[in-house]
């Protein structure tokens, strides 16, 4: 299986974005349930500029 590093090097952007999404999902699953609203607010703030 190709790695994120290889996907970027080979400019396979769709695959690279899926790897990043998977990493975010795995990280979010480790966050305590009561902290998720704060995490989502922080991420929303980052996206909003």
Protein backbone atom coordinates (compact mmCIF):
# COMPACT_ATOMS: atom_id res chain seq x y z
CA UNK A 1 0.00 0.00 0.00
CA UNK A 2 1.25 3.47 -0.84
CA UNK A 3 2.04 5.86 2.03
CA UNK A 4 1.01 9.50 2.47
CA UNK A 5 4.57 10.53 1.69
CA UNK A 6 4.57 8.55 -1.56
CA UNK A 7 1.11 9.81 -2.53
CA UNK A 8 2.34 13.40 -2.17
CA UNK A 9 5.60 12.68 -4.00
CA UNK A 10 3.62 11.10 -6.85
CA UNK A 11 1.09 13.97 -6.79
CA UNK A 12 -1.80 11.61 -6.07
CA UNK A 13 -3.74 14.35 -4.32
CA UNK A 14 -7.00 12.46 -3.87
CA UNK A 15 -5.21 9.59 -2.13
CA UNK A 16 -3.18 12.01 -0.03
CA UNK A 17 -6.35 13.78 1.09
CA UNK A 18 -7.90 10.44 2.07
CA UNK A 19 -4.83 9.60 4.17
CA UNK A 20 -5.11 12.97 5.91
CA UNK A 21 -8.82 12.48 6.53
CA UNK A 22 -8.17 9.03 7.96
CA UNK A 23 -5.55 10.48 10.28
CA UNK A 24 -7.96 13.15 11.49
CA UNK A 25 -10.66 10.54 12.09
CA UNK A 26 -8.30 8.31 14.06
CA UNK A 27 -7.20 11.29 16.16
CA UNK A 28 -10.78 12.42 16.78
CA UNK A 29 -11.66 8.93 18.01
CA UNK A 30 -9.08 9.28 20.79
CA UNK A 31 -10.52 12.58 22.07
CA UNK A 32 -12.80 12.26 25.10
CA UNK A 33 -16.45 12.51 24.09
CA UNK A 34 -17.07 15.66 26.14
CA UNK A 35 -14.16 17.42 24.40
CA UNK A 36 -15.47 16.92 20.84
CA UNK A 37 -17.59 20.11 20.72
CA UNK A 38 -14.52 22.17 21.66
CA UNK A 39 -12.39 20.35 19.10
CA UNK A 40 -14.94 20.99 16.36
CA UNK A 41 -15.17 24.67 17.34
CA UNK A 42 -11.39 24.98 17.18
CA UNK A 43 -11.26 23.32 13.77
CA UNK A 44 -14.10 25.48 12.51
CA UNK A 45 -12.26 28.58 13.71
CA UNK A 46 -9.12 27.48 11.85
CA UNK A 47 -11.08 27.00 8.63
CA UNK A 48 -12.84 30.32 9.02
CA UNK A 49 -9.57 32.22 9.15
